[in-house]
C-alpha atoms as a PDB file:
ATOM      1  CA  UNK A   1     -31.957 -24.033  20.360  1.00  0.00           C
ATOM      2  CA  UNK A   2     -29.273 -23.643  23.018  1.00  0.00           C
ATOM      3  CA  UNK A   3     -25.919 -25.406  22.660  1.00  0.00           C
ATOM      4  CA  UNK A   4     -24.694 -27.701  25.397  1.00  0.00           C
ATOM      5  CA  UNK A   5     -21.754 -26.310  27.264  1.00  0.00           C
ATOM      6  CA  UNK A   6     -18.497 -27.836  26.513  1.00  0.00           C
ATOM      7  CA  UNK A   7     -17.157 -30.493  28.947  1.00  0.00           C
ATOM      8  CA  UNK A   8     -14.565 -29.074  31.508  1.00  0.00           C
ATOM      9  CA  UNK A   9     -11.804 -31.429  30.948  1.00  0.00           C
ATOM     10  CA  UNK A  10     -10.061 -30.268  34.056  1.00  0.00           C
ATOM     11  CA  UNK A  11     -12.183 -33.045  35.732  1.00  0.00           C
ATOM     12  CA  UNK A  12     -11.165 -36.638  34.911  1.00  0.00           C
ATOM     13  CA  UNK A  13     -13.365 -39.384  36.077  1.00  0.00           C
ATOM     14  CA  UNK A  14     -11.804 -42.675  37.134  1.00  0.00           C
ATOM     15  CA  UNK A  15     -13.731 -45.657  35.832  1.00  0.00           C
ATOM     16  CA  UNK A  16     -12.640 -47.743  38.564  1.00  0.00           C
ATOM     17  CA  UNK A  17     -15.454 -50.134  38.062  1.00  0.00           C
ATOM     18  CA  UNK A  18     -14.947 -54.017  37.393  1.00  0.00           C
ATOM     19  CA  UNK A  19     -15.486 -54.162  33.580  1.00  0.00           C
ATOM     20  CA  UNK A  20     -16.228 -52.275  30.442  1.00  0.00           C
ATOM     21  CA  UNK A  21     -20.024 -52.931  30.516  1.00  0.00           C
ATOM     22  CA  UNK A  22     -20.209 -50.994  33.904  1.00  0.00           C
ATOM     23  CA  UNK A  23     -17.837 -48.364  32.727  1.00  0.00           C
ATOM     24  CA  UNK A  24     -19.715 -47.464  29.694  1.00  0.00           C
ATOM     25  CA  UNK A  25     -22.798 -47.441  31.527  1.00  0.00           C
ATOM     26  CA  UNK A  26     -21.416 -44.892  34.040  1.00  0.00           C
ATOM     27  CA  UNK A  27     -20.084 -42.616  31.235  1.00  0.00           C
ATOM     28  CA  UNK A  28     -23.566 -42.686  29.587  1.00  0.00           C
ATOM     29  CA  UNK A  29     -25.054 -41.807  33.002  1.00  0.00           C
ATOM     30  CA  UNK A  30     -22.565 -38.860  33.503  1.00  0.00           C
ATOM     31  CA  UNK A  31     -23.473 -37.526  30.035  1.00  0.00           C
ATOM     32  CA  UNK A  32     -21.809 -34.664  28.081  1.00  0.00           C
ATOM     33  CA  UNK A  33     -20.569 -32.675  31.151  1.00  0.00           C
ATOM     34  CA  UNK A  34     -17.853 -35.176  31.765  1.00  0.00           C
ATOM     35  CA  UNK A  35     -15.404 -35.531  28.616  1.00  0.00           C
ATOM     36  CA  UNK A  36     -12.277 -37.020  30.142  1.00  0.00           C
ATOM     37  CA  UNK A  37     -12.085 -40.548  31.658  1.00  0.00           C
ATOM     38  CA  UNK A  38      -9.414 -42.682  33.447  1.00  0.00           C
ATOM     39  CA  UNK A  39      -9.030 -46.261  32.756  1.00  0.00           C
ATOM     40  CA  UNK A  40      -6.758 -48.179  35.022  1.00  0.00           C
ATOM     41  CA  UNK A  41      -5.134 -51.509  35.557  1.00  0.00           C
ATOM     42  CA  UNK A  42      -8.146 -52.837  37.452  1.00  0.00           C
ATOM     43  CA  UNK A  43     -10.145 -52.973  34.437  1.00  0.00           C
ATOM     44  CA  UNK A  44      -7.457 -54.207  32.072  1.00  0.00           C
ATOM     45  CA  UNK A  45      -8.803 -57.766  32.117  1.00  0.00           C
ATOM     46  CA  UNK A  46     -12.358 -56.526  32.031  1.00  0.00           C
ATOM     47  CA  UNK A  47     -12.219 -55.018  28.589  1.00  0.00           C
ATOM     48  CA  UNK A  48     -10.566 -51.726  29.534  1.00  0.00           C
ATOM     49  CA  UNK A  49      -8.651 -51.174  26.328  1.00  0.00           C
ATOM     50  CA  UNK A  50     -11.879 -51.804  24.323  1.00  0.00           C
ATOM     51  CA  UNK A  51     -13.858 -49.303  26.393  1.00  0.00           C
ATOM     52  CA  UNK A  52     -11.019 -46.869  25.902  1.00  0.00           C
ATOM     53  CA  UNK A  53     -11.346 -47.278  22.234  1.00  0.00           C
ATOM     54  CA  UNK A  54     -14.942 -47.081  22.111  1.00  0.00           C
ATOM     55  CA  UNK A  55     -15.194 -43.970  24.398  1.00  0.00           C
ATOM     56  CA  UNK A  56     -12.679 -42.123  22.350  1.00  0.00           C
ATOM     57  CA  UNK A  57     -13.859 -43.222  18.800  1.00  0.00           C
ATOM     58  CA  UNK A  58     -17.457 -43.355  19.081  1.00  0.00           C
ATOM     59  CA  UNK A  59     -18.111 -40.907  22.021  1.00  0.00           C
ATOM     60  CA  UNK A  60     -15.554 -38.426  21.331  1.00  0.00           C
ATOM     61  CA  UNK A  61     -14.181 -38.573  25.063  1.00  0.00           C
ATOM     62  CA  UNK A  62     -10.544 -38.085  26.114  1.00  0.00           C
ATOM     63  CA  UNK A  63      -8.949 -40.884  27.682  1.00  0.00           C
ATOM     64  CA  UNK A  64      -6.237 -41.357  30.269  1.00  0.00           C
ATOM     65  CA  UNK A  65      -4.858 -44.815  30.288  1.00  0.00           C
ATOM     66  CA  UNK A  66      -3.329 -45.283  33.911  1.00  0.00           C
ATOM     67  CA  UNK A  67      -1.113 -48.306  33.437  1.00  0.00           C
ATOM     68  CA  UNK A  68       2.064 -47.170  35.676  1.00  0.00           C
ATOM     69  CA  UNK A  69       4.353 -49.054  33.306  1.00  0.00           C
ATOM     70  CA  UNK A  70       7.663 -50.056  34.745  1.00  0.00           C
ATOM     71  CA  UNK A  71      10.148 -52.520  33.016  1.00  0.00           C
ATOM     72  CA  UNK A  72      13.340 -52.318  31.097  1.00  0.00           C
ATOM     73  CA  UNK A  73      13.534 -49.787  28.345  1.00  0.00           C
ATOM     74  CA  UNK A  74      12.947 -52.009  25.331  1.00  0.00           C
ATOM     75  CA  UNK A  75       9.837 -53.522  26.840  1.00  0.00           C
ATOM     76  CA  UNK A  76       8.586 -50.126  27.616  1.00  0.00           C
ATOM     77  CA  UNK A  77       9.172 -48.588  24.415  1.00  0.00           C
ATOM     78  CA  UNK A  78       7.474 -51.545  22.730  1.00  0.00           C
ATOM     79  CA  UNK A  79       4.496 -51.497  25.024  1.00  0.00           C
ATOM     80  CA  UNK A  80       4.091 -47.724  24.681  1.00  0.00           C
ATOM     81  CA  UNK A  81       4.327 -47.952  20.856  1.00  0.00           C
ATOM     82  CA  UNK A  82       1.418 -50.591  20.829  1.00  0.00           C
ATOM     83  CA  UNK A  83      -0.608 -48.401  23.106  1.00  0.00           C
ATOM     84  CA  UNK A  84      -0.023 -45.217  21.095  1.00  0.00           C
ATOM     85  CA  UNK A  85      -1.791 -46.753  18.225  1.00  0.00           C
ATOM     86  CA  UNK A  86      -5.121 -46.262  19.971  1.00  0.00           C
ATOM     87  CA  UNK A  87      -5.074 -42.601  19.587  1.00  0.00           C
ATOM     88  CA  UNK A  88      -5.501 -41.990  23.418  1.00  0.00           C
ATOM     89  CA  UNK A  89      -4.513 -38.847  25.310  1.00  0.00           C
ATOM     90  CA  UNK A  90      -2.581 -39.809  28.549  1.00  0.00           C
ATOM     91  CA  UNK A  91      -0.425 -42.785  29.700  1.00  0.00           C
ATOM     92  CA  UNK A  92       1.257 -43.136  32.894  1.00  0.00           C
ATOM     93  CA  UNK A  93       4.696 -44.740  33.385  1.00  0.00           C
ATOM     94  CA  UNK A  94       6.877 -44.788  36.632  1.00  0.00           C
ATOM     95  CA  UNK A  95       9.147 -41.698  36.891  1.00  0.00           C
ATOM     96  CA  UNK A  96      12.331 -43.361  36.601  1.00  0.00           C
ATOM     97  CA  UNK A  97      14.356 -41.582  33.824  1.00  0.00           C
ATOM     98  CA  UNK A  98      15.113 -44.663  31.988  1.00  0.00           C
ATOM     99  CA  UNK A  99      11.364 -45.640  31.878  1.00  0.00           C
ATOM    100  CA  UNK A 100      10.459 -42.072  30.851  1.00  0.00           C
ATOM    101  CA  UNK A 101      12.873 -41.976  28.055  1.00  0.00           C
ATOM    102  CA  UNK A 102      11.767 -45.168  26.605  1.00  0.00           C
ATOM    103  CA  UNK A 103       8.228 -44.285  26.898  1.00  0.00           C
ATOM    104  CA  UNK A 104       8.960 -41.097  24.832  1.00  0.00           C
ATOM    105  CA  UNK A 105      10.498 -42.981  22.182  1.00  0.00           C
ATOM    106  CA  UNK A 106       7.479 -45.504  22.118  1.00  0.00           C
ATOM    107  CA  UNK A 107       5.150 -42.442  21.760  1.00  0.00           C
ATOM    108  CA  UNK A 108       7.013 -40.781  19.088  1.00  0.00           C
ATOM    109  CA  UNK A 109       4.997 -39.701  16.194  1.00  0.00           C
ATOM    110  CA  UNK A 110       1.594 -39.874  18.159  1.00  0.00           C
ATOM    111  CA  UNK A 111      -0.233 -37.427  20.257  1.00  0.00           C
ATOM    112  CA  UNK A 112       0.032 -39.511  23.438  1.00  0.00           C
ATOM    113  CA  UNK A 113       1.232 -37.589  26.472  1.00  0.00           C
ATOM    114  CA  UNK A 114       3.576 -39.438  28.845  1.00  0.00           C
ATOM    115  CA  UNK A 115       2.789 -38.742  32.557  1.00  0.00           C
ATOM    116  CA  UNK A 116       5.329 -39.831  35.145  1.00  0.00           C
ATOM    117  CA  UNK A 117       4.284 -41.248  38.397  1.00  0.00           C
ATOM    118  CA  UNK A 118       6.362 -39.777  41.288  1.00  0.00           C
ATOM    119  CA  UNK A 119       5.137 -41.340  44.597  1.00  0.00           C
ATOM    120  CA  UNK A 120       1.726 -42.936  44.671  1.00  0.00           C
ATOM    121  CA  UNK A 121      -0.679 -40.772  46.650  1.00  0.00           C
ATOM    122  CA  UNK A 122      -1.723 -43.741  48.895  1.00  0.00           C
ATOM    123  CA  UNK A 123       1.853 -44.049  50.349  1.00  0.00           C
ATOM    124  CA  UNK A 124       3.257 -42.166  53.250  1.00  0.00           C
ATOM    125  CA  UNK A 125       6.813 -42.197  54.843  1.00  0.00           C
ATOM    126  CA  UNK A 126       6.156 -45.549  56.685  1.00  0.00           C
ATOM    127  CA  UNK A 127       5.265 -47.130  53.373  1.00  0.00           C
ATOM    128  CA  UNK A 128       8.401 -45.828  51.909  1.00  0.00           C
ATOM    129  CA  UNK A 129      10.380 -47.322  54.595  1.00  0.00           C
ATOM    130  CA  UNK A 130       8.918 -50.738  54.106  1.00  0.00           C
ATOM    131  CA  UNK A 131       9.893 -50.467  50.508  1.00  0.00           C
ATOM    132  CA  UNK A 132      13.509 -49.630  51.311  1.00  0.00           C
ATOM    133  CA  UNK A 133      12.989 -46.161  49.705  1.00  0.00           C
ATOM    134  CA  UNK A 134      15.707 -43.474  50.601  1.00  0.00           C
ATOM    135  CA  UNK A 135      15.184 -41.563  53.878  1.00  0.00           C
ATOM    136  CA  UNK A 136      13.662 -38.081  53.450  1.00  0.00           C
ATOM    137  CA  UNK A 137      10.434 -36.060  53.612  1.00  0.00           C
ATOM    138  CA  UNK A 138       7.883 -37.502  51.139  1.00  0.00           C
ATOM    139  CA  UNK A 139       7.338 -33.944  49.501  1.00  0.00           C
ATOM    140  CA  UNK A 140      10.967 -33.628  48.991  1.00  0.00           C
ATOM    141  CA  UNK A 141      11.216 -36.969  47.178  1.00  0.00           C
ATOM    142  CA  UNK A 142       8.257 -36.246  45.014  1.00  0.00           C
ATOM    143  CA  UNK A 143       9.916 -33.050  44.009  1.00  0.00           C
ATOM    144  CA  UNK A 144      13.099 -34.720  43.254  1.00  0.00           C
ATOM    145  CA  UNK A 145      11.533 -37.413  41.275  1.00  0.00           C
ATOM    146  CA  UNK A 146       9.356 -35.075  39.309  1.00  0.00           C
ATOM    147  CA  UNK A 147      12.203 -32.848  38.286  1.00  0.00           C
ATOM    148  CA  UNK A 148      14.286 -35.997  37.074  1.00  0.00           C
ATOM    149  CA  UNK A 149      11.192 -37.299  35.119  1.00  0.00           C
ATOM    150  CA  UNK A 150      10.487 -33.979  33.393  1.00  0.00           C
ATOM    151  CA  UNK A 151      14.137 -33.591  32.601  1.00  0.00           C
ATOM    152  CA  UNK A 152      14.032 -37.070  31.008  1.00  0.00           C
ATOM    153  CA  UNK A 153      11.091 -35.730  28.688  1.00  0.00           C
ATOM    154  CA  UNK A 154       7.976 -36.593  30.587  1.00  0.00           C
ATOM    155  CA  UNK A 155       4.937 -34.325  29.308  1.00  0.00           C
ATOM    156  CA  UNK A 156       3.796 -34.107  32.878  1.00  0.00           C
ATOM    157  CA  UNK A 157       3.704 -35.800  36.135  1.00  0.00           C
ATOM    158  CA  UNK A 158       1.227 -37.421  38.477  1.00  0.00           C
ATOM    159  CA  UNK A 159       1.480 -36.162  41.983  1.00  0.00           C
ATOM    160  CA  UNK A 160      -0.396 -35.364  45.241  1.00  0.00           C
ATOM    161  CA  UNK A 161      -2.201 -32.060  45.244  1.00  0.00           C
ATOM    162  CA  UNK A 162      -0.063 -31.273  48.214  1.00  0.00           C
ATOM    163  CA  UNK A 163       3.094 -31.144  46.190  1.00  0.00           C
ATOM    164  CA  UNK A 164       1.515 -29.449  43.186  1.00  0.00           C
ATOM    165  CA  UNK A 165       2.572 -25.865  43.926  1.00  0.00           C
ATOM    166  CA  UNK A 166       6.155 -26.995  44.548  1.00  0.00           C
ATOM    167  CA  UNK A 167       6.216 -29.154  41.325  1.00  0.00           C
ATOM    168  CA  UNK A 168       4.761 -26.136  39.404  1.00  0.00           C
ATOM    169  CA  UNK A 169       7.532 -23.918  40.581  1.00  0.00           C
ATOM    170  CA  UNK A 170      10.206 -26.114  39.143  1.00  0.00           C
ATOM    171  CA  UNK A 171      11.760 -24.601  35.971  1.00  0.00           C
ATOM    172  CA  UNK A 172      11.353 -28.024  34.051  1.00  0.00           C
ATOM    173  CA  UNK A 173       7.616 -27.874  34.760  1.00  0.00           C
ATOM    174  CA  UNK A 174       7.032 -24.872  32.654  1.00  0.00           C
ATOM    175  CA  UNK A 175       4.498 -25.764  29.951  1.00  0.00           C
ATOM    176  CA  UNK A 176       4.111 -29.426  31.362  1.00  0.00           C
ATOM    177  CA  UNK A 177       1.141 -31.100  32.865  1.00  0.00           C
ATOM    178  CA  UNK A 178       0.330 -31.913  36.538  1.00  0.00           C
ATOM    179  CA  UNK A 179      -2.336 -34.366  37.135  1.00  0.00           C
ATOM    180  CA  UNK A 180      -3.517 -35.194  40.600  1.00  0.00           C
ATOM    181  CA  UNK A 181      -5.459 -38.178  42.228  1.00  0.00           C
ATOM    182  CA  UNK A 182      -5.964 -37.929  45.642  1.00  0.00           C
ATOM    183  CA  UNK A 183      -8.625 -35.218  45.068  1.00  0.00           C
ATOM    184  CA  UNK A 184     -11.743 -35.259  47.451  1.00  0.00           C
ATOM    185  CA  UNK A 185     -14.585 -32.861  47.316  1.00  0.00           C
ATOM    186  CA  UNK A 186     -15.310 -31.119  50.665  1.00  0.00           C
ATOM    187  CA  UNK A 187     -16.763 -33.407  53.149  1.00  0.00           C
ATOM    188  CA  UNK A 188     -15.927 -36.842  51.061  1.00  0.00           C
ATOM    189  CA  UNK A 189     -14.477 -39.782  52.542  1.00  0.00           C
ATOM    190  CA  UNK A 190     -10.642 -40.101  52.140  1.00  0.00           C
ATOM    191  CA  UNK A 191     -10.675 -43.854  51.177  1.00  0.00           C
ATOM    192  CA  UNK A 192      -7.187 -45.298  50.577  1.00  0.00           C
ATOM    193  CA  UNK A 193      -5.559 -41.727  49.872  1.00  0.00           C
ATOM    194  CA  UNK A 194      -3.338 -40.017  52.334  1.00  0.00           C
ATOM    195  CA  UNK A 195      -2.194 -36.939  50.685  1.00  0.00           C
ATOM    196  CA  UNK A 196      -5.551 -35.163  49.519  1.00  0.00           C
ATOM    197  CA  UNK A 197      -6.967 -31.773  48.708  1.00  0.00           C
ATOM    198  CA  UNK A 198     -10.181 -30.306  47.396  1.00  0.00           C
ATOM    199  CA  UNK A 199     -10.643 -29.739  43.774  1.00  0.00           C
ATOM    200  CA  UNK A 200     -10.536 -25.970  44.083  1.00  0.00           C
ATOM    201  CA  UNK A 201      -7.269 -26.125  46.175  1.00  0.00           C
ATOM    202  CA  UNK A 202      -5.711 -28.457  43.612  1.00  0.00           C
ATOM    203  CA  UNK A 203      -6.550 -26.153  40.703  1.00  0.00           C
ATOM    204  CA  UNK A 204      -5.306 -23.095  42.658  1.00  0.00           C
ATOM    205  CA  UNK A 205      -1.985 -24.865  43.340  1.00  0.00           C
ATOM    206  CA  UNK A 206      -1.268 -25.284  39.658  1.00  0.00           C
ATOM    207  CA  UNK A 207      -2.800 -28.532  38.805  1.00  0.00           C
ATOM    208  CA  UNK A 208      -4.126 -28.942  35.126  1.00  0.00           C
ATOM    209  CA  UNK A 209      -6.348 -31.958  35.714  1.00  0.00           C
ATOM    210  CA  UNK A 210      -7.900 -33.585  38.828  1.00  0.00           C
ATOM    211  CA  UNK A 211      -8.784 -37.303  38.923  1.00  0.00           C
ATOM    212  CA  UNK A 212     -11.931 -38.313  40.912  1.00  0.00           C
ATOM    213  CA  UNK A 213     -13.217 -41.746  41.242  1.00  0.00           C
ATOM    214  CA  UNK A 214     -15.194 -43.060  44.137  1.00  0.00           C
ATOM    215  CA  UNK A 215     -16.868 -39.752  45.158  1.00  0.00           C
ATOM    216  CA  UNK A 216     -18.450 -39.979  41.696  1.00  0.00           C
ATOM    217  CA  UNK A 217     -19.154 -43.574  40.994  1.00  0.00           C
ATOM    218  CA  UNK A 218     -20.136 -44.605  44.539  1.00  0.00           C
ATOM    219  CA  UNK A 219     -22.575 -41.688  44.717  1.00  0.00           C
ATOM    220  CA  UNK A 220     -26.319 -42.303  44.844  1.00  0.00           C
ATOM    221  CA  UNK A 221     -26.370 -39.809  41.987  1.00  0.00           C
ATOM    222  CA  UNK A 222     -23.167 -39.886  40.116  1.00  0.00           C
ATOM    223  CA  UNK A 223     -24.037 -37.156  37.672  1.00  0.00           C
ATOM    224  CA  UNK A 224     -25.052 -34.828  40.489  1.00  0.00           C
ATOM    225  CA  UNK A 225     -21.675 -35.758  42.294  1.00  0.00           C
ATOM    226  CA  UNK A 226     -19.795 -34.879  39.054  1.00  0.00           C
ATOM    227  CA  UNK A 227     -21.800 -31.514  38.593  1.00  0.00           C
ATOM    228  CA  UNK A 228     -20.901 -30.574  42.224  1.00  0.00           C
ATOM    229  CA  UNK A 229     -17.170 -31.153  41.625  1.00  0.00           C
ATOM    230  CA  UNK A 230     -17.249 -29.099  38.519  1.00  0.00           C
ATOM    231  CA  UNK A 231     -18.954 -26.222  40.414  1.00  0.00           C
ATOM    232  CA  UNK A 232     -16.143 -26.201  43.127  1.00  0.00           C
ATOM    233  CA  UNK A 233     -13.480 -25.527  40.120  1.00  0.00           C
ATOM    234  CA  UNK A 234     -12.685 -21.824  39.685  1.00  0.00           C
ATOM    235  CA  UNK A 235     -13.514 -20.200  36.273  1.00  0.00           C
ATOM    236  CA  UNK A 236     -11.172 -21.216  33.443  1.00  0.00           C
END
């Protein structure tokens, strides 16, 4: 009897559905080829933490908890310490150095990887101007924020695939993770993402994991959509 191929964990499917019941149904539909899932704020009140625990403990999936935490250091440390007890894999925090340092303290003694958000991939220069963020090219600001977050101890960064190659070239990025949302298969709609790339391009530019949501769960056949994305990735 043939043994099923191991899931390619370079693909993280975002379970951006309203509740845990729909999230579990989607994971079951996708089957063994998808081994890594992102659960974000949108599902937090719909049983997101319970789903994360069930997928991890009962189905053997890896879990990326995308909370994008931001607060004073003591609160971040306490929140991360509480989340670390669930034995999850990735957690996002905002990339401000004081936040990263506190998150690292909270994750101490666990296998939880702290990923720093640089600038959200849905934002462009106009959005940054509206938020009173300092002047400069978006890519340059992402690079600066990524470097500071990594120096503060982040295990990796979240960044647009368009900045991945430049981040990978940073000395501080050696051995660290780059995880990218804003990845769209060839021909897919952009949605609310403004800085995007195809899966193959992102991996070629040094990305470790790509995060794909709507092109999978909005597809008529989500399993086929996931398989098509996996087929775009270069061999490991």
